Amino acid sequence: MEQDMMVEDFVLSILIHGLRYLEFIGDGDSSVHQRLIERVTYGKEIVKNECSNHVTKNFTGDLFSLTKNKYQFSKILTKSCISSLTKNLRGTIKKGQEDGGSVDNLKNLLRNVPSHVFGDHNKCSSGCSKSGNVEGKLSRVPTIVGEAVNDKLQEVIRKAPSLLIEVTTNIAETL
């Protein structure tokens, strides 16, 4: 239903207003974008910008889902740790926007989030009070946990271009 409404809006925008909508904000569901590509004459030109709130929420949910599968994950990825990862992810996105909006810069900043949270500050910017220090917590994080967190982070990194413009679906969610 949501897909059909979006297609109708995009088609009517040309007929009624003579306008082509070239971007929209999505919540992580790719089916709407796919339907626009298939059914709108200029569909291949339409860009989907990811809602930054949904990206963060999905990352947090992915981390919690890891803790349900393996005991070693739940020992490291506590609620407090996941909260810290989420908080740092949001702060990093904000910093990336303030640092001039380079996608590559934001990607590099995002890649450092787990290291920062787990105590390795070698790649932290000067804004981090512990920049250049290693607290030793990182050595206590099993490789499998670190790799799993980084795997979940890759989805966020892939969406870096959308995160730079920090758009949300908040207004639509209130209707």
N, C-alpha and C. Protein backbone atom coordinates (compact mmCIF):
# COMPACT_ATOMS: atom_id res chain seq x y z
N MET A 1 0.82 -1.18 0.00
CA MET A 1 0.00 0.00 0.00
C MET A 1 0.87 1.26 0.00
N GLU A 2 1.86 1.30 0.90
CA GLU A 2 2.77 2.45 0.96
C GLU A 2 3.48 2.63 -0.39
N GLN A 3 3.86 1.50 -0.98
CA GLN A 3 4.55 1.56 -2.27
C GLN A 3 3.65 2.18 -3.34
N ASP A 4 2.41 1.74 -3.38
CA ASP A 4 1.48 2.25 -4.39
C ASP A 4 1.20 3.74 -4.21
N MET A 5 1.10 4.18 -2.96
CA MET A 5 0.87 5.60 -2.69
C MET A 5 2.06 6.44 -3.17
N MET A 6 3.26 5.95 -2.92
CA MET A 6 4.46 6.68 -3.35
C MET A 6 4.52 6.76 -4.88
N VAL A 7 4.26 5.65 -5.54
CA VAL A 7 4.27 5.64 -7.01
C VAL A 7 3.25 6.64 -7.53
N GLU A 8 2.05 6.63 -6.97
CA GLU A 8 1.01 7.55 -7.40
C GLU A 8 1.45 9.01 -7.21
N ASP A 9 2.04 9.31 -6.07
CA ASP A 9 2.51 10.68 -5.81
C ASP A 9 3.58 11.11 -6.81
N PHE A 10 4.51 10.22 -7.11
CA PHE A 10 5.58 10.56 -8.05
C PHE A 10 5.02 10.76 -9.46
N VAL A 11 4.08 9.93 -9.87
CA VAL A 11 3.48 10.06 -11.20
C VAL A 11 2.64 11.34 -11.28
N LEU A 12 1.84 11.60 -10.26
CA LEU A 12 0.98 12.79 -10.25
C LEU A 12 1.78 14.09 -10.16
N SER A 13 2.97 14.03 -9.60
CA SER A 13 3.78 15.25 -9.48
C SER A 13 4.10 15.83 -10.86
N ILE A 14 4.25 14.96 -11.83
CA ILE A 14 4.52 15.41 -13.20
C ILE A 14 3.22 15.95 -13.82
N LEU A 15 2.16 15.18 -13.70
CA LEU A 15 0.89 15.55 -14.32
C LEU A 15 0.30 16.83 -13.74
N ILE A 16 0.34 16.98 -12.45
CA ILE A 16 -0.30 18.12 -11.80
C ILE A 16 0.61 19.34 -11.71
N HIS A 17 1.86 19.11 -11.34
CA HIS A 17 2.76 20.23 -11.06
C HIS A 17 3.90 20.39 -12.07
N GLY A 18 4.05 19.42 -12.95
CA GLY A 18 5.16 19.47 -13.90
C GLY A 18 6.51 19.28 -13.21
N LEU A 19 6.50 18.63 -12.06
CA LEU A 19 7.73 18.42 -11.28
C LEU A 19 8.09 16.94 -11.23
N ARG A 20 9.39 16.69 -11.18
CA ARG A 20 9.87 15.33 -10.98
C ARG A 20 10.50 15.26 -9.59
N TYR A 21 9.98 14.39 -8.77
CA TYR A 21 10.60 14.16 -7.47
C TYR A 21 11.79 13.25 -7.71
N LEU A 22 12.97 13.71 -7.36
CA LEU A 22 14.17 12.94 -7.62
C LEU A 22 14.76 12.29 -6.37
N GLU A 23 14.23 12.64 -5.21
CA GLU A 23 14.73 12.07 -3.96
C GLU A 23 13.56 11.81 -3.03
N PHE A 24 13.75 10.84 -2.14
CA PHE A 24 12.80 10.63 -1.07
C PHE A 24 13.55 10.06 0.13
N ILE A 25 12.93 10.16 1.28
CA ILE A 25 13.52 9.65 2.52
C ILE A 25 12.87 8.31 2.83
N GLY A 26 13.70 7.29 2.99
CA GLY A 26 13.19 5.95 3.29
C GLY A 26 13.61 5.48 4.65
N ASP A 27 12.94 4.44 5.12
CA ASP A 27 13.20 3.93 6.47
C ASP A 27 13.96 2.61 6.48
N GLY A 28 14.62 2.27 5.42
CA GLY A 28 15.37 1.02 5.38
C GLY A 28 14.70 -0.04 4.53
N ASP A 29 13.43 0.15 4.20
CA ASP A 29 12.69 -0.79 3.37
C ASP A 29 12.97 -0.46 1.91
N SER A 30 13.62 -1.37 1.21
CA SER A 30 14.00 -1.09 -0.17
C SER A 30 12.87 -1.35 -1.17
N SER A 31 11.76 -1.92 -0.73
CA SER A 31 10.69 -2.26 -1.66
C SER A 31 10.05 -1.01 -2.28
N VAL A 32 9.97 0.08 -1.53
CA VAL A 32 9.39 1.32 -2.07
C VAL A 32 10.27 1.84 -3.20
N HIS A 33 11.57 1.88 -2.96
CA HIS A 33 12.49 2.38 -3.98
C HIS A 33 12.43 1.49 -5.23
N GLN A 34 12.40 0.20 -5.03
CA GLN A 34 12.33 -0.73 -6.16
C GLN A 34 11.05 -0.49 -6.96
N ARG A 35 9.94 -0.29 -6.29
CA ARG A 35 8.67 -0.06 -6.97
C ARG A 35 8.72 1.25 -7.77
N LEU A 36 9.35 2.29 -7.21
CA LEU A 36 9.49 3.56 -7.93
C LEU A 36 10.33 3.37 -9.18
N ILE A 37 11.40 2.61 -9.07
CA ILE A 37 12.27 2.35 -10.23
C ILE A 37 11.47 1.64 -11.32
N GLU A 38 10.66 0.68 -10.92
CA GLU A 38 9.90 -0.12 -11.88
C GLU A 38 8.73 0.63 -12.51
N ARG A 39 8.06 1.50 -11.77
CA ARG A 39 6.78 2.04 -12.23
C ARG A 39 6.76 3.52 -12.60
N VAL A 40 7.79 4.26 -12.25
CA VAL A 40 7.84 5.68 -12.60
C VAL A 40 8.76 5.81 -13.80
N THR A 41 8.34 6.58 -14.81
CA THR A 41 9.10 6.65 -16.06
C THR A 41 10.56 7.07 -15.86
N TYR A 42 10.82 7.89 -14.90
CA TYR A 42 12.20 8.34 -14.64
C TYR A 42 12.76 7.66 -13.37
N GLY A 43 12.21 6.50 -13.03
CA GLY A 43 12.51 5.82 -11.78
C GLY A 43 13.98 5.58 -11.49
N LYS A 44 14.76 5.33 -12.52
CA LYS A 44 16.19 5.05 -12.30
C LYS A 44 16.95 6.28 -11.81
N GLU A 45 16.35 7.45 -11.95
CA GLU A 45 16.99 8.69 -11.49
C GLU A 45 16.66 9.01 -10.03
N ILE A 46 15.71 8.31 -9.47
CA ILE A 46 15.25 8.60 -8.11
C ILE A 46 16.25 8.05 -7.09
N VAL A 47 16.63 8.91 -6.16
CA VAL A 47 17.59 8.55 -5.12
C VAL A 47 16.86 8.40 -3.79
N LYS A 48 17.18 7.32 -3.10
CA LYS A 48 16.62 7.11 -1.77
C LYS A 48 17.62 7.58 -0.73
N ASN A 49 17.21 8.50 0.12
CA ASN A 49 18.03 8.93 1.25
C ASN A 49 17.52 8.19 2.48
N GLU A 50 18.45 7.62 3.22
CA GLU A 50 18.09 6.83 4.40
C GLU A 50 17.78 7.73 5.59
N CYS A 51 16.76 7.40 6.32
CA CYS A 51 16.43 8.09 7.57
C CYS A 51 17.52 7.76 8.59
N SER A 52 18.21 8.79 9.09
CA SER A 52 19.32 8.54 10.00
C SER A 52 18.85 7.89 11.31
N ASN A 53 17.64 8.19 11.73
CA ASN A 53 17.11 7.55 12.95
C ASN A 53 16.91 6.05 12.74
N HIS A 54 16.40 5.67 11.57
CA HIS A 54 16.19 4.25 11.30
C HIS A 54 17.51 3.52 11.14
N VAL A 55 18.50 4.17 10.53
CA VAL A 55 19.82 3.54 10.38
C VAL A 55 20.39 3.23 11.77
N THR A 56 20.32 4.20 12.66
CA THR A 56 20.84 4.01 14.02
C THR A 56 20.04 2.95 14.77
N LYS A 57 18.74 3.03 14.65
CA LYS A 57 17.85 2.07 15.33
C LYS A 57 18.12 0.65 14.83
N ASN A 58 18.29 0.49 13.52
CA ASN A 58 18.55 -0.83 12.96
C ASN A 58 19.90 -1.37 13.42
N PHE A 59 20.92 -0.50 13.49
CA PHE A 59 22.24 -0.91 13.98
C PHE A 59 22.12 -1.39 15.43
N THR A 60 21.42 -0.64 16.25
CA THR A 60 21.24 -1.01 17.66
C THR A 60 20.50 -2.35 17.76
N GLY A 61 19.45 -2.51 16.98
CA GLY A 61 18.70 -3.77 16.97
C GLY A 61 19.56 -4.94 16.52
N ASP A 62 20.40 -4.70 15.52
CA ASP A 62 21.31 -5.75 15.05
C ASP A 62 22.27 -6.18 16.15
N LEU A 63 22.76 -5.22 16.92
CA LEU A 63 23.68 -5.55 18.02
C LEU A 63 22.97 -6.37 19.09
N PHE A 64 21.75 -5.98 19.44
CA PHE A 64 20.99 -6.75 20.43
C PHE A 64 20.70 -8.16 19.92
N SER A 65 20.46 -8.29 18.62
CA SER A 65 20.19 -9.62 18.07
C SER A 65 21.42 -10.52 18.18
N LEU A 66 22.61 -9.94 18.12
CA LEU A 66 23.83 -10.74 18.29
C LEU A 66 23.88 -11.37 19.68
N THR A 67 23.40 -10.66 20.68
CA THR A 67 23.50 -11.16 22.06
C THR A 67 22.57 -12.34 22.31
N LYS A 68 21.60 -12.54 21.47
CA LYS A 68 20.66 -13.65 21.64
C LYS A 68 21.23 -14.97 21.13
N ASN A 69 22.26 -14.89 20.29
CA ASN A 69 22.76 -16.09 19.64
C ASN A 69 23.93 -16.77 20.35
N LYS A 70 24.77 -15.99 20.97
CA LYS A 70 25.97 -16.58 21.57
C LYS A 70 26.24 -15.96 22.93
N TYR A 71 26.62 -16.81 23.86
CA TYR A 71 26.90 -16.36 25.22
C TYR A 71 28.03 -15.34 25.24
N GLN A 72 29.08 -15.57 24.46
CA GLN A 72 30.22 -14.65 24.49
C GLN A 72 29.85 -13.25 24.00
N PHE A 73 28.85 -13.16 23.14
CA PHE A 73 28.39 -11.85 22.69
C PHE A 73 27.70 -11.11 23.84
N SER A 74 26.85 -11.81 24.57
CA SER A 74 26.10 -11.15 25.64
C SER A 74 27.00 -10.72 26.79
N LYS A 75 28.15 -11.36 26.95
CA LYS A 75 29.09 -10.95 28.00
C LYS A 75 29.76 -9.63 27.66
N ILE A 76 30.03 -9.40 26.38
CA ILE A 76 30.72 -8.18 25.93
C ILE A 76 29.72 -7.10 25.53
N LEU A 77 28.72 -7.50 24.73
CA LEU A 77 27.74 -6.53 24.23
C LEU A 77 26.59 -6.40 25.23
N THR A 78 26.90 -5.79 26.35
CA THR A 78 25.88 -5.53 27.37
C THR A 78 25.00 -4.37 26.91
N LYS A 79 23.92 -4.14 27.62
CA LYS A 79 23.06 -2.99 27.30
C LYS A 79 23.87 -1.70 27.33
N SER A 80 24.73 -1.58 28.32
CA SER A 80 25.56 -0.39 28.47
C SER A 80 26.52 -0.22 27.29
N CYS A 81 27.13 -1.33 26.87
CA CYS A 81 28.06 -1.28 25.74
C CYS A 81 27.33 -0.90 24.45
N ILE A 82 26.17 -1.53 24.22
CA ILE A 82 25.39 -1.22 23.01
C ILE A 82 24.93 0.23 23.04
N SER A 83 24.53 0.69 24.21
CA SER A 83 24.13 2.10 24.35
C SER A 83 25.30 3.02 24.01
N SER A 84 26.48 2.67 24.46
CA SER A 84 27.67 3.47 24.18
C SER A 84 28.01 3.45 22.69
N LEU A 85 27.88 2.28 22.06
CA LEU A 85 28.12 2.18 20.61
C LEU A 85 27.13 3.06 19.85
N THR A 86 25.86 3.01 20.26
CA THR A 86 24.82 3.81 19.60
C THR A 86 25.07 5.30 19.80
N LYS A 87 25.37 5.69 21.02
CA LYS A 87 25.64 7.10 21.33
C LYS A 87 26.83 7.60 20.52
N ASN A 88 27.88 6.80 20.46
CA ASN A 88 29.06 7.20 19.70
C ASN A 88 28.79 7.22 18.20
N LEU A 89 27.95 6.33 17.73
CA LEU A 89 27.57 6.33 16.32
C LEU A 89 26.87 7.65 15.98
N ARG A 90 25.91 8.05 16.80
CA ARG A 90 25.19 9.31 16.57
C ARG A 90 26.14 10.50 16.63
N GLY A 91 27.02 10.52 17.62
CA GLY A 91 28.00 11.61 17.74
C GLY A 91 28.95 11.67 16.57
N THR A 92 29.32 10.50 16.07
CA THR A 92 30.23 10.42 14.92
C THR A 92 29.55 10.95 13.66
N ILE A 93 28.29 10.61 13.49
CA ILE A 93 27.54 11.12 12.34
C ILE A 93 27.49 12.64 12.40
N LYS A 94 27.20 13.18 13.58
CA LYS A 94 27.15 14.64 13.77
C LYS A 94 28.51 15.26 13.46
N LYS A 95 29.58 14.64 13.96
CA LYS A 95 30.93 15.15 13.71
C LYS A 95 31.25 15.13 12.22
N GLY A 96 30.87 14.06 11.54
CA GLY A 96 31.10 13.97 10.10
C GLY A 96 30.41 15.08 9.34
N GLN A 97 29.22 15.45 9.78
CA GLN A 97 28.50 16.55 9.15
C GLN A 97 29.20 17.88 9.40
N GLU A 98 29.70 18.05 10.59
CA GLU A 98 30.36 19.31 10.95
C GLU A 98 31.74 19.45 10.32
N ASP A 99 32.37 18.33 10.01
CA ASP A 99 33.73 18.36 9.46
C ASP A 99 33.76 18.63 7.96
N GLY A 100 32.70 19.13 7.40
CA GLY A 100 32.71 19.50 6.00
C GLY A 100 31.95 18.57 5.08
N GLY A 101 31.42 17.50 5.60
CA GLY A 101 30.55 16.66 4.80
C GLY A 101 31.20 15.75 3.79
N SER A 102 32.43 15.31 4.01
CA SER A 102 33.06 14.37 3.10
C SER A 102 32.60 12.95 3.43
N VAL A 103 32.12 12.24 2.42
CA VAL A 103 31.65 10.86 2.62
C VAL A 103 32.80 9.99 3.10
N ASP A 104 33.97 10.13 2.49
CA ASP A 104 35.12 9.31 2.90
C ASP A 104 35.51 9.59 4.34
N ASN A 105 35.48 10.85 4.74
CA ASN A 105 35.80 11.20 6.13
C ASN A 105 34.79 10.57 7.08
N LEU A 106 33.51 10.65 6.75
CA LEU A 106 32.49 10.05 7.61
C LEU A 106 32.69 8.54 7.71
N LYS A 107 32.98 7.90 6.60
CA LYS A 107 33.21 6.46 6.62
C LYS A 107 34.37 6.10 7.55
N ASN A 108 35.45 6.87 7.48
CA ASN A 108 36.60 6.61 8.35
C ASN A 108 36.24 6.82 9.82
N LEU A 109 35.49 7.88 10.09
CA LEU A 109 35.06 8.13 11.47
C LEU A 109 34.17 7.00 11.98
N LEU A 110 33.25 6.53 11.14
CA LEU A 110 32.35 5.44 11.53
C LEU A 110 33.12 4.15 11.81
N ARG A 111 34.12 3.86 10.99
CA ARG A 111 34.92 2.64 11.19
C ARG A 111 35.61 2.63 12.55
N ASN A 112 35.87 3.80 13.10
CA ASN A 112 36.58 3.90 14.38
C ASN A 112 35.67 3.77 15.60
N VAL A 113 34.36 3.80 15.42
CA VAL A 113 33.44 3.78 16.56
C VAL A 113 33.68 2.58 17.48
N PRO A 114 33.72 1.33 16.97
CA PRO A 114 33.95 0.21 17.89
C PRO A 114 35.29 0.30 18.62
N SER A 115 36.34 0.68 17.91
CA SER A 115 37.65 0.81 18.56
C SER A 115 37.59 1.82 19.70
N HIS A 116 36.97 2.95 19.45
CA HIS A 116 36.84 3.99 20.48
C HIS A 116 36.09 3.45 21.70
N VAL A 117 34.95 2.82 21.46
CA VAL A 117 34.14 2.31 22.57
C VAL A 117 34.87 1.22 23.34
N PHE A 118 35.64 0.39 22.62
CA PHE A 118 36.35 -0.71 23.28
C PHE A 118 37.73 -0.31 23.79
N GLY A 119 38.06 0.99 23.74
CA GLY A 119 39.25 1.48 24.41
C GLY A 119 40.48 1.77 23.58
N ASP A 120 40.41 1.61 22.26
CA ASP A 120 41.56 1.93 21.41
C ASP A 120 41.32 3.30 20.79
N HIS A 121 42.09 4.28 21.22
CA HIS A 121 41.89 5.66 20.79
C HIS A 121 42.98 6.13 19.83
N ASN A 122 43.74 5.18 19.26
CA ASN A 122 44.83 5.54 18.34
C ASN A 122 44.34 6.32 17.13
N LYS A 123 43.15 6.01 16.66
CA LYS A 123 42.64 6.68 15.45
C LYS A 123 41.62 7.78 15.77
N CYS A 124 41.46 8.06 17.05
CA CYS A 124 40.52 9.11 17.44
C CYS A 124 41.07 10.49 17.07
N SER A 125 40.15 11.39 16.80
CA SER A 125 40.54 12.76 16.47
C SER A 125 40.94 13.50 17.74
N SER A 126 41.44 14.68 17.57
CA SER A 126 41.88 15.48 18.71
C SER A 126 40.72 15.85 19.64
N GLY A 127 39.49 15.72 19.17
CA GLY A 127 38.33 16.00 20.00
C GLY A 127 38.10 14.97 21.09
N CYS A 128 38.75 13.82 20.98
CA CYS A 128 38.63 12.76 21.98
C CYS A 128 39.68 13.01 23.06
N SER A 129 39.25 13.06 24.31
CA SER A 129 40.18 13.35 25.41
C SER A 129 41.22 12.25 25.60
N LYS A 130 40.95 11.06 25.06
CA LYS A 130 41.89 9.95 25.21
C LYS A 130 42.63 9.67 23.91
N SER A 131 42.59 10.60 22.97
CA SER A 131 43.21 10.43 21.65
C SER A 131 44.64 9.92 21.77
N GLY A 132 44.93 8.85 21.03
CA GLY A 132 46.27 8.28 21.01
C GLY A 132 46.51 7.23 22.07
N ASN A 133 45.61 7.06 23.02
CA ASN A 133 45.79 6.09 24.11
C ASN A 133 45.09 4.77 23.80
N VAL A 134 45.59 3.72 24.41
CA VAL A 134 44.93 2.42 24.36
C VAL A 134 44.70 2.00 25.80
N GLU A 135 43.44 1.76 26.15
CA GLU A 135 43.08 1.44 27.53
C GLU A 135 43.21 -0.04 27.86
N GLY A 136 43.38 -0.88 26.87
CA GLY A 136 43.51 -2.30 27.12
C GLY A 136 42.22 -3.08 27.06
N LYS A 137 41.08 -2.39 27.00
CA LYS A 137 39.80 -3.09 26.90
C LYS A 137 39.69 -3.85 25.59
N LEU A 138 40.30 -3.28 24.54
CA LEU A 138 40.19 -3.88 23.21
C LEU A 138 40.75 -5.30 23.20
N SER A 139 41.82 -5.53 23.94
CA SER A 139 42.44 -6.85 23.95
C SER A 139 41.53 -7.88 24.63
N ARG A 140 40.55 -7.42 25.41
CA ARG A 140 39.63 -8.34 26.07
C ARG A 140 38.39 -8.62 25.23
N VAL A 141 38.29 -8.00 24.07
CA VAL A 141 37.15 -8.23 23.17
C VAL A 141 37.52 -9.36 22.22
N PRO A 142 36.82 -10.50 22.32
CA PRO A 142 37.13 -11.60 21.41
C PRO A 142 37.00 -11.16 19.94
N THR A 143 37.87 -11.69 19.12
CA THR A 143 37.89 -11.34 17.70
C THR A 143 36.52 -11.53 17.07
N ILE A 144 35.85 -12.62 17.41
CA ILE A 144 34.55 -12.91 16.80
C ILE A 144 33.53 -11.81 17.12
N VAL A 145 33.60 -11.24 18.33
CA VAL A 145 32.68 -10.16 18.71
C VAL A 145 33.02 -8.89 17.94
N GLY A 146 34.31 -8.55 17.89
CA GLY A 146 34.73 -7.37 17.15
C GLY A 146 34.36 -7.45 15.68
N GLU A 147 34.54 -8.63 15.09
CA GLU A 147 34.19 -8.82 13.68
C GLU A 147 32.69 -8.71 13.47
N ALA A 148 31.91 -9.26 14.39
CA ALA A 148 30.45 -9.19 14.26
C ALA A 148 29.95 -7.75 14.35
N VAL A 149 30.52 -6.98 15.28
CA VAL A 149 30.14 -5.57 15.41
C VAL A 149 30.51 -4.82 14.14
N ASN A 150 31.71 -5.08 13.62
CA ASN A 150 32.14 -4.42 12.39
C ASN A 150 31.28 -4.82 11.20
N ASP A 151 30.83 -6.07 11.16
CA ASP A 151 29.93 -6.51 10.09
C ASP A 151 28.62 -5.71 10.13
N LYS A 152 28.08 -5.53 11.32
CA LYS A 152 26.83 -4.75 11.46
C LYS A 152 27.07 -3.28 11.11
N LEU A 153 28.26 -2.80 11.41
CA LEU A 153 28.60 -1.41 11.12
C LEU A 153 28.73 -1.15 9.62
N GLN A 154 29.07 -2.18 8.85
CA GLN A 154 29.23 -2.01 7.40
C GLN A 154 27.95 -1.50 6.74
N GLU A 155 26.81 -1.93 7.24
CA GLU A 155 25.53 -1.46 6.69
C GLU A 155 25.37 0.04 6.93
N VAL A 156 25.81 0.50 8.08
CA VAL A 156 25.76 1.93 8.40
C VAL A 156 26.73 2.69 7.48
N ILE A 157 27.93 2.16 7.33
CA ILE A 157 28.95 2.81 6.50
C ILE A 157 28.48 2.92 5.05
N ARG A 158 27.79 1.90 4.58
CA ARG A 158 27.26 1.91 3.21
C ARG A 158 26.28 3.07 3.00
N LYS A 159 25.64 3.49 4.07
CA LYS A 159 24.64 4.55 3.98
C LYS A 159 25.21 5.93 4.33
N ALA A 160 26.53 6.05 4.38
CA ALA A 160 27.19 7.31 4.76
C ALA A 160 26.72 8.52 3.94
N PRO A 161 26.55 8.41 2.62
CA PRO A 161 26.10 9.59 1.88
C PRO A 161 24.77 10.16 2.40
N SER A 162 23.84 9.29 2.75
CA SER A 162 22.56 9.75 3.30
C SER A 162 22.73 10.32 4.70
N LEU A 163 23.64 9.73 5.47
CA LEU A 163 23.83 10.19 6.85
C LEU A 163 24.41 11.59 6.90
N LEU A 164 25.16 11.97 5.88
CA LEU A 164 25.74 13.31 5.86
C LEU A 164 24.68 14.40 5.80
N ILE A 165 23.57 14.12 5.14
CA ILE A 165 22.53 15.14 5.05
C ILE A 165 21.52 15.01 6.20
N GLU A 166 21.67 13.98 6.99
CA GLU A 166 20.85 13.72 8.18
C GLU A 166 19.38 14.07 7.99
N VAL A 167 18.74 13.26 7.22
CA VAL A 167 17.30 13.41 7.02
C VAL A 167 16.58 12.34 7.83
N THR A 168 15.38 12.65 8.25
CA THR A 168 14.59 11.68 9.01
C THR A 168 13.16 11.65 8.48
N THR A 169 12.48 10.60 8.86
CA THR A 169 11.06 10.49 8.53
C THR A 169 10.20 10.91 9.72
N ASN A 170 10.78 11.61 10.67
CA ASN A 170 10.06 11.99 11.90
C ASN A 170 8.72 12.66 11.62
N ILE A 171 8.69 13.59 10.69
CA ILE A 171 7.45 14.32 10.42
C ILE A 171 6.37 13.38 9.90
N ALA A 172 6.75 12.44 9.04
CA ALA A 172 5.78 11.49 8.49
C ALA A 172 5.30 10.50 9.56
N GLU A 173 6.17 10.17 10.49
CA GLU A 173 5.84 9.21 11.54
C GLU A 173 4.80 9.77 12.51
N THR A 174 4.65 11.09 12.55
CA THR A 174 3.70 11.70 13.48
C THR A 174 2.28 11.73 12.92
N LEU A 175 2.13 11.47 11.63
CA LEU A 175 0.80 11.54 11.01
C LEU A 175 -0.01 10.30 11.29
